[in-house]
N, C-alpha and C. Protein backbone atom coordinates (compact mmCIF):
# COMPACT_ATOMS: atom_id res chain seq x y z
N UNK A 1 79.81 72.61 92.47
CA UNK A 1 79.36 71.69 93.49
C UNK A 1 77.88 71.94 93.79
N UNK A 2 77.13 70.86 94.00
CA UNK A 2 75.72 70.99 94.31
C UNK A 2 75.39 70.19 95.56
N UNK A 3 74.60 70.80 96.44
CA UNK A 3 74.17 70.13 97.66
C UNK A 3 72.77 69.57 97.44
N UNK A 4 72.57 68.28 97.75
CA UNK A 4 71.23 67.68 97.73
C UNK A 4 70.65 67.82 99.13
N UNK A 5 69.45 68.38 99.20
CA UNK A 5 68.83 68.64 100.49
C UNK A 5 67.35 68.32 100.47
N UNK A 6 66.78 68.25 101.67
CA UNK A 6 65.35 68.05 101.82
C UNK A 6 64.80 69.12 102.74
N UNK A 7 63.51 69.44 102.56
CA UNK A 7 62.78 70.32 103.46
C UNK A 7 61.41 69.69 103.69
N UNK A 8 60.99 69.66 104.94
CA UNK A 8 59.70 69.09 105.32
C UNK A 8 58.80 70.16 105.89
N UNK A 9 57.55 70.16 105.42
CA UNK A 9 56.51 70.99 106.02
C UNK A 9 55.52 70.04 106.68
N UNK A 10 55.32 70.20 107.98
CA UNK A 10 54.29 69.45 108.69
C UNK A 10 53.01 70.27 108.59
N UNK A 11 51.98 69.65 108.01
CA UNK A 11 50.74 70.36 107.72
C UNK A 11 49.56 69.60 108.34
N UNK A 12 48.97 70.20 109.35
CA UNK A 12 47.75 69.67 109.96
C UNK A 12 46.73 70.80 109.89
N UNK A 13 45.92 70.76 108.82
CA UNK A 13 44.99 71.85 108.56
C UNK A 13 44.24 72.22 109.84
N UNK A 14 44.16 73.50 110.19
CA UNK A 14 44.59 74.69 109.44
C UNK A 14 45.93 75.26 109.92
N UNK A 15 46.87 74.41 110.32
CA UNK A 15 48.14 74.94 110.82
C UNK A 15 49.32 74.19 110.22
N UNK A 16 50.47 74.89 110.22
CA UNK A 16 51.72 74.25 109.79
C UNK A 16 52.77 74.46 110.87
N UNK A 17 53.70 73.52 110.91
CA UNK A 17 54.80 73.58 111.86
C UNK A 17 56.04 74.05 111.12
N UNK A 18 56.60 75.16 111.57
CA UNK A 18 57.85 75.68 111.02
C UNK A 18 58.87 75.75 112.15
N UNK A 19 60.13 75.92 111.79
CA UNK A 19 61.18 76.06 112.78
C UNK A 19 61.98 77.32 112.55
N UNK A 20 62.28 78.04 113.63
CA UNK A 20 63.17 79.21 113.55
C UNK A 20 64.60 78.68 113.56
N UNK A 21 65.33 78.95 112.50
CA UNK A 21 66.72 78.48 112.36
C UNK A 21 67.60 79.28 113.32
N UNK A 22 68.36 78.58 114.14
CA UNK A 22 69.15 79.22 115.19
C UNK A 22 70.63 79.37 114.85
N UNK A 23 71.10 78.69 113.79
CA UNK A 23 72.52 78.76 113.47
C UNK A 23 72.76 78.53 111.98
N UNK A 24 73.94 78.88 111.53
CA UNK A 24 74.42 78.65 110.17
C UNK A 24 73.50 79.23 109.09
N UNK A 25 73.54 78.60 107.91
CA UNK A 25 72.83 79.09 106.73
C UNK A 25 71.33 79.21 107.02
N UNK A 26 70.78 80.41 106.84
CA UNK A 26 69.36 80.64 107.09
C UNK A 26 69.03 81.06 108.51
N UNK A 27 70.06 81.35 109.32
CA UNK A 27 69.85 81.74 110.72
C UNK A 27 68.88 82.93 110.78
N UNK A 28 67.93 82.85 111.73
CA UNK A 28 66.97 83.93 111.93
C UNK A 28 65.74 83.86 111.03
N UNK A 29 65.63 82.80 110.25
CA UNK A 29 64.48 82.64 109.36
C UNK A 29 63.67 81.41 109.77
N UNK A 30 62.35 81.51 109.57
CA UNK A 30 61.50 80.33 109.72
C UNK A 30 61.62 79.50 108.46
N UNK A 31 61.60 78.19 108.64
CA UNK A 31 61.73 77.29 107.51
C UNK A 31 61.10 75.95 107.90
N UNK A 32 60.98 75.08 106.92
CA UNK A 32 60.63 73.71 107.22
C UNK A 32 61.85 73.02 107.81
N UNK A 33 61.69 71.77 108.18
CA UNK A 33 62.79 71.01 108.78
C UNK A 33 63.48 70.21 107.68
N UNK A 34 64.80 70.16 107.74
CA UNK A 34 65.51 69.41 106.71
C UNK A 34 66.97 69.78 106.67
N UNK A 35 67.61 69.32 105.61
CA UNK A 35 69.03 69.59 105.46
C UNK A 35 69.64 68.68 104.42
N UNK A 36 70.93 68.51 104.55
CA UNK A 36 71.72 67.77 103.58
C UNK A 36 71.38 66.28 103.59
N UNK A 37 71.27 65.71 102.40
CA UNK A 37 71.08 64.26 102.27
C UNK A 37 72.44 63.60 102.47
N UNK A 38 72.52 62.70 103.43
CA UNK A 38 73.78 62.01 103.73
C UNK A 38 74.06 60.94 102.69
N UNK A 39 75.33 60.59 102.55
CA UNK A 39 75.74 59.55 101.60
C UNK A 39 75.02 58.25 101.91
N UNK A 40 74.46 57.62 100.88
CA UNK A 40 73.76 56.34 101.03
C UNK A 40 72.34 56.46 101.55
N UNK A 41 71.86 57.68 101.74
CA UNK A 41 70.55 57.91 102.31
C UNK A 41 69.55 58.25 101.20
N UNK A 42 68.32 57.73 101.29
CA UNK A 42 67.28 58.13 100.35
C UNK A 42 66.73 59.50 100.78
N UNK A 43 65.99 60.14 99.88
CA UNK A 43 65.37 61.42 100.22
C UNK A 43 64.43 61.26 101.41
N UNK A 44 63.64 60.19 101.42
CA UNK A 44 62.70 59.95 102.51
C UNK A 44 63.44 59.72 103.83
N UNK A 45 64.52 58.94 103.79
CA UNK A 45 65.30 58.70 105.01
C UNK A 45 65.88 60.01 105.53
N UNK A 46 66.33 60.87 104.63
CA UNK A 46 66.91 62.15 105.02
C UNK A 46 65.88 63.03 105.72
N UNK A 47 64.69 63.15 105.13
CA UNK A 47 63.69 64.04 105.70
C UNK A 47 63.20 63.52 107.05
N UNK A 48 63.10 62.21 107.21
CA UNK A 48 62.70 61.63 108.50
C UNK A 48 63.78 61.88 109.55
N UNK A 49 65.04 61.65 109.20
CA UNK A 49 66.16 61.88 110.13
C UNK A 49 66.23 63.34 110.55
N UNK A 50 66.14 64.25 109.58
CA UNK A 50 66.26 65.67 109.88
C UNK A 50 65.13 66.16 110.80
N UNK A 51 63.90 65.70 110.57
CA UNK A 51 62.78 66.11 111.43
C UNK A 51 63.00 65.62 112.86
N UNK A 52 63.56 64.42 112.98
CA UNK A 52 63.83 63.89 114.32
C UNK A 52 64.94 64.69 115.01
N UNK A 53 66.01 65.00 114.25
CA UNK A 53 67.13 65.76 114.83
C UNK A 53 66.72 67.19 115.18
N UNK A 54 65.96 67.84 114.31
CA UNK A 54 65.68 69.27 114.47
C UNK A 54 64.45 69.57 115.32
N UNK A 55 63.46 68.66 115.35
CA UNK A 55 62.22 68.94 116.08
C UNK A 55 61.79 67.83 117.02
N UNK A 56 62.56 66.73 117.07
CA UNK A 56 62.24 65.65 117.99
C UNK A 56 60.99 64.86 117.64
N UNK A 57 60.59 64.90 116.37
CA UNK A 57 59.37 64.18 115.95
C UNK A 57 59.72 63.12 114.92
N UNK A 58 58.89 62.08 114.89
CA UNK A 58 59.08 61.01 113.91
C UNK A 58 57.96 61.11 112.89
N UNK A 59 58.33 61.48 111.68
CA UNK A 59 57.39 61.71 110.59
C UNK A 59 56.84 60.38 110.08
N UNK A 60 55.53 60.38 109.79
CA UNK A 60 54.88 59.21 109.22
C UNK A 60 54.48 59.53 107.78
N UNK A 61 54.88 58.68 106.85
CA UNK A 61 54.52 58.81 105.43
C UNK A 61 54.75 60.19 104.82
N UNK A 62 55.99 60.67 104.82
CA UNK A 62 56.24 61.96 104.14
C UNK A 62 56.00 61.81 102.64
N UNK A 63 55.38 62.82 102.04
CA UNK A 63 55.10 62.79 100.61
C UNK A 63 55.89 63.90 99.92
N UNK A 64 56.57 63.53 98.85
CA UNK A 64 57.38 64.48 98.09
C UNK A 64 56.47 65.35 97.23
N UNK A 65 56.62 66.66 97.36
CA UNK A 65 55.75 67.60 96.65
C UNK A 65 56.47 68.47 95.65
N UNK A 66 57.79 68.63 95.79
CA UNK A 66 58.45 69.54 94.87
C UNK A 66 59.95 69.36 94.84
N UNK A 67 60.53 69.99 93.80
CA UNK A 67 61.98 70.00 93.63
C UNK A 67 62.35 71.36 93.06
N UNK A 68 63.27 72.04 93.76
CA UNK A 68 63.72 73.36 93.30
C UNK A 68 65.24 73.40 93.35
N UNK A 69 65.82 73.93 92.28
CA UNK A 69 67.25 74.20 92.23
C UNK A 69 67.46 75.65 92.62
N UNK A 70 68.25 75.88 93.67
CA UNK A 70 68.58 77.23 94.12
C UNK A 70 70.01 77.52 93.71
N UNK A 71 70.20 78.63 93.00
CA UNK A 71 71.53 79.04 92.56
C UNK A 71 71.82 80.44 93.09
N UNK A 72 73.10 80.70 93.36
CA UNK A 72 73.52 81.93 94.02
C UNK A 72 74.66 82.60 93.25
N UNK A 73 74.64 83.93 93.22
CA UNK A 73 75.73 84.68 92.57
C UNK A 73 77.02 84.61 93.39
N UNK A 74 76.90 84.44 94.71
CA UNK A 74 78.09 84.41 95.57
C UNK A 74 78.68 82.99 95.60
N UNK A 75 79.49 82.72 96.58
CA UNK A 75 80.20 81.44 96.63
C UNK A 75 79.36 80.31 97.23
N UNK A 76 78.13 80.61 97.63
CA UNK A 76 77.25 79.55 98.15
C UNK A 76 77.03 78.51 97.06
N UNK A 77 77.23 77.23 97.38
CA UNK A 77 77.00 76.20 96.34
C UNK A 77 75.52 76.13 95.96
N UNK A 78 75.24 75.57 94.79
CA UNK A 78 73.86 75.34 94.39
C UNK A 78 73.23 74.34 95.36
N UNK A 79 71.93 74.51 95.58
CA UNK A 79 71.18 73.60 96.45
C UNK A 79 70.06 73.01 95.61
N UNK A 80 70.02 71.68 95.49
CA UNK A 80 68.90 70.99 94.86
C UNK A 80 68.05 70.46 96.01
N UNK A 81 66.89 71.10 96.22
CA UNK A 81 66.07 70.81 97.39
C UNK A 81 64.80 70.07 96.99
N UNK A 82 64.53 68.98 97.69
CA UNK A 82 63.30 68.22 97.53
C UNK A 82 62.40 68.53 98.71
N UNK A 83 61.17 68.95 98.40
CA UNK A 83 60.22 69.39 99.41
C UNK A 83 59.22 68.29 99.71
N UNK A 84 59.00 68.06 100.99
CA UNK A 84 58.09 67.03 101.47
C UNK A 84 57.02 67.65 102.35
N UNK A 85 55.89 66.94 102.42
CA UNK A 85 54.82 67.32 103.32
C UNK A 85 54.42 66.09 104.11
N UNK A 86 54.16 66.27 105.39
CA UNK A 86 53.65 65.19 106.23
C UNK A 86 52.51 65.74 107.07
N UNK A 87 51.50 64.92 107.27
CA UNK A 87 50.37 65.33 108.10
C UNK A 87 50.37 64.62 109.44
N UNK A 88 51.16 63.56 109.55
CA UNK A 88 51.19 62.79 110.79
C UNK A 88 52.61 62.63 111.30
N UNK A 89 52.73 62.59 112.61
CA UNK A 89 54.03 62.33 113.24
C UNK A 89 53.80 61.82 114.64
N UNK A 90 54.82 61.20 115.20
CA UNK A 90 54.82 60.78 116.60
C UNK A 90 55.76 61.68 117.37
N UNK A 91 55.40 61.93 118.63
CA UNK A 91 56.23 62.77 119.48
C UNK A 91 55.65 64.17 119.59
N UNK A 92 56.32 64.98 120.39
CA UNK A 92 55.93 66.37 120.59
C UNK A 92 57.06 67.25 120.08
N UNK A 93 56.75 68.21 119.19
CA UNK A 93 57.82 69.09 118.69
C UNK A 93 58.55 69.77 119.85
N UNK A 94 59.87 69.76 119.78
CA UNK A 94 60.69 70.37 120.83
C UNK A 94 61.86 71.11 120.19
N UNK A 95 62.37 72.07 120.91
CA UNK A 95 63.50 72.86 120.44
C UNK A 95 64.77 72.02 120.44
N UNK A 96 65.59 72.25 119.41
CA UNK A 96 66.89 71.58 119.32
C UNK A 96 67.97 72.65 119.23
N UNK A 97 69.22 72.24 119.12
CA UNK A 97 70.31 73.20 118.97
C UNK A 97 70.15 74.03 117.71
N UNK A 98 69.50 73.45 116.69
CA UNK A 98 69.43 74.09 115.38
C UNK A 98 68.11 74.83 115.12
N UNK A 99 67.00 74.33 115.67
CA UNK A 99 65.68 74.87 115.34
C UNK A 99 64.79 75.02 116.57
N UNK A 100 63.90 76.06 116.49
CA UNK A 100 62.88 76.27 117.51
C UNK A 100 61.51 76.14 116.83
N UNK A 101 60.81 75.00 116.98
CA UNK A 101 59.54 74.78 116.28
C UNK A 101 58.41 75.68 116.80
N UNK A 102 57.51 76.03 115.87
CA UNK A 102 56.35 76.83 116.24
C UNK A 102 55.23 76.56 115.24
N UNK A 103 54.01 76.41 115.76
CA UNK A 103 52.84 76.23 114.91
C UNK A 103 52.32 77.59 114.44
N UNK A 104 51.88 77.63 113.17
CA UNK A 104 51.28 78.84 112.60
C UNK A 104 49.98 78.47 111.90
N UNK A 105 48.97 79.32 112.06
CA UNK A 105 47.74 79.17 111.28
C UNK A 105 48.10 79.47 109.83
N UNK A 106 47.49 78.75 108.87
CA UNK A 106 47.86 78.95 107.47
C UNK A 106 47.55 80.36 106.96
N UNK A 107 46.69 81.10 107.65
CA UNK A 107 46.43 82.49 107.26
C UNK A 107 47.41 83.46 107.92
N UNK A 108 48.32 82.94 108.74
CA UNK A 108 49.28 83.80 109.46
C UNK A 108 50.71 83.28 109.31
N UNK A 109 51.03 82.73 108.15
CA UNK A 109 52.39 82.24 107.89
C UNK A 109 53.33 83.45 107.84
N UNK A 110 54.44 83.43 108.57
CA UNK A 110 55.32 84.60 108.68
C UNK A 110 56.28 84.75 107.48
N UNK A 111 55.71 84.97 106.29
CA UNK A 111 56.54 85.06 105.08
C UNK A 111 57.63 86.14 105.20
N UNK A 112 57.37 87.19 105.96
CA UNK A 112 58.36 88.26 106.12
C UNK A 112 59.57 87.82 106.95
N UNK A 113 59.48 86.65 107.58
CA UNK A 113 60.60 86.11 108.37
C UNK A 113 61.08 84.79 107.78
N UNK A 114 60.83 84.61 106.48
CA UNK A 114 61.20 83.37 105.80
C UNK A 114 62.04 83.71 104.57
N UNK A 115 62.56 82.68 103.90
CA UNK A 115 63.24 82.90 102.63
C UNK A 115 62.24 83.51 101.64
N UNK A 116 62.73 84.39 100.79
CA UNK A 116 61.87 85.10 99.84
C UNK A 116 61.11 84.16 98.90
N UNK A 117 61.69 83.01 98.57
CA UNK A 117 61.05 82.07 97.64
C UNK A 117 59.87 81.32 98.25
N UNK A 118 59.80 81.24 99.58
CA UNK A 118 58.77 80.43 100.23
C UNK A 118 57.36 80.85 99.85
N UNK A 119 57.16 82.15 99.64
CA UNK A 119 55.81 82.64 99.33
C UNK A 119 55.33 82.17 97.96
N UNK A 120 56.24 81.63 97.13
CA UNK A 120 55.87 81.13 95.81
C UNK A 120 55.51 79.64 95.85
N UNK A 121 56.34 78.83 96.50
CA UNK A 121 56.11 77.38 96.48
C UNK A 121 55.26 76.85 97.62
N UNK A 122 55.32 77.49 98.80
CA UNK A 122 54.58 76.96 99.95
C UNK A 122 53.06 76.93 99.71
N UNK A 123 52.45 77.95 99.11
CA UNK A 123 51.00 77.85 98.83
C UNK A 123 50.66 76.67 97.92
N UNK A 124 51.54 76.33 96.99
CA UNK A 124 51.30 75.18 96.12
C UNK A 124 51.28 73.89 96.95
N UNK A 125 52.26 73.73 97.81
CA UNK A 125 52.34 72.54 98.66
C UNK A 125 51.09 72.43 99.54
N UNK A 126 50.63 73.56 100.09
CA UNK A 126 49.45 73.54 100.96
C UNK A 126 48.18 73.24 100.18
N UNK A 127 48.18 73.55 98.88
CA UNK A 127 47.02 73.30 98.02
C UNK A 127 47.09 71.91 97.36
N UNK A 128 48.04 71.08 97.81
CA UNK A 128 48.16 69.72 97.29
C UNK A 128 48.67 69.68 95.84
N UNK A 129 49.43 70.70 95.45
CA UNK A 129 49.93 70.81 94.08
C UNK A 129 51.44 70.54 94.05
N UNK A 130 51.86 69.58 93.23
CA UNK A 130 53.30 69.31 93.08
C UNK A 130 53.93 70.36 92.17
N UNK A 131 55.25 70.58 92.33
CA UNK A 131 55.91 71.67 91.62
C UNK A 131 57.38 71.36 91.36
N UNK A 132 57.94 72.10 90.40
CA UNK A 132 59.37 72.01 90.08
C UNK A 132 59.81 73.41 89.65
N UNK A 133 61.04 73.80 90.02
CA UNK A 133 61.46 75.14 89.64
C UNK A 133 62.93 75.42 89.85
N UNK A 134 63.29 76.69 89.57
CA UNK A 134 64.65 77.21 89.77
C UNK A 134 64.53 78.63 90.30
N UNK A 135 65.37 78.94 91.27
CA UNK A 135 65.44 80.30 91.80
C UNK A 135 66.89 80.75 91.75
N UNK A 136 67.11 81.97 91.31
CA UNK A 136 68.45 82.56 91.23
C UNK A 136 68.52 83.73 92.21
N UNK A 137 69.48 83.69 93.12
CA UNK A 137 69.64 84.72 94.15
C UNK A 137 70.90 85.54 93.90
N UNK A 138 70.83 86.84 94.21
CA UNK A 138 72.01 87.70 94.11
C UNK A 138 72.83 87.59 95.40
N UNK A 139 73.86 88.45 95.51
CA UNK A 139 74.76 88.40 96.67
C UNK A 139 74.08 88.75 97.98
N UNK A 140 72.95 89.46 97.92
CA UNK A 140 72.20 89.82 99.13
C UNK A 140 71.09 88.80 99.40
N UNK A 141 71.11 87.67 98.70
CA UNK A 141 70.11 86.61 98.84
C UNK A 141 68.70 87.09 98.49
N UNK A 142 68.61 87.96 97.49
CA UNK A 142 67.33 88.41 96.93
C UNK A 142 67.14 87.70 95.60
N UNK A 143 65.89 87.39 95.27
CA UNK A 143 65.60 86.69 94.02
C UNK A 143 65.84 87.62 92.84
N UNK A 144 66.66 87.16 91.89
CA UNK A 144 66.92 87.89 90.65
C UNK A 144 65.92 87.44 89.59
N UNK A 145 65.73 86.13 89.49
CA UNK A 145 64.74 85.56 88.58
C UNK A 145 64.39 84.17 89.06
N UNK A 146 63.24 83.70 88.59
CA UNK A 146 62.83 82.35 88.97
C UNK A 146 61.84 81.80 87.96
N UNK A 147 61.72 80.49 87.98
CA UNK A 147 60.65 79.81 87.25
C UNK A 147 60.12 78.74 88.18
N UNK A 148 58.81 78.61 88.20
CA UNK A 148 58.17 77.64 89.08
C UNK A 148 56.96 77.10 88.34
N UNK A 149 56.94 75.79 88.14
CA UNK A 149 55.88 75.17 87.36
C UNK A 149 55.15 74.11 88.17
N UNK A 150 53.84 74.08 87.99
CA UNK A 150 53.03 73.01 88.56
C UNK A 150 53.27 71.76 87.72
N UNK A 151 53.41 70.62 88.37
CA UNK A 151 53.58 69.35 87.65
C UNK A 151 52.60 68.33 88.22
N UNK A 152 52.28 67.34 87.41
CA UNK A 152 51.36 66.29 87.87
C UNK A 152 52.06 65.25 88.72
N UNK A 153 53.36 65.01 88.43
CA UNK A 153 54.11 64.05 89.24
C UNK A 153 55.59 64.38 89.16
N UNK A 154 56.32 63.87 90.15
CA UNK A 154 57.77 64.05 90.21
C UNK A 154 58.40 62.69 89.96
N UNK A 155 59.44 62.65 89.08
CA UNK A 155 60.10 61.39 88.81
C UNK A 155 60.93 60.99 90.01
């Protein structure tokens, strides 16, 4: 079984908006906003809905920057994640049941409180570089191996 998901990074140079995950998978880690793509929903619709649910903001013109397949040695299903970046939104970021938003300067991104893979793909997204890859995690959610490639465009 594979889960289709989206992740959004709000980037307003020189800062990014991340959310502290408060429950379920990824609890206690900073991440972008996103989640499972609902049936009948496009990737763009999913990322807009998730940002509104998790941070109370309405994203304007999200741009798709990457696609990564995450695989796990344990019973966690594979996650095919599409990464988006947005520079504009309406509303004020607010805490939800699932996430606590916080702005970070791009030189102070809390990689030590994020998923281990973020330090590989997030700099590419911030540098305006599209990417595609695969990450394999062991039972302790540590990276066993990965491949990450810069691409000119995503199909």
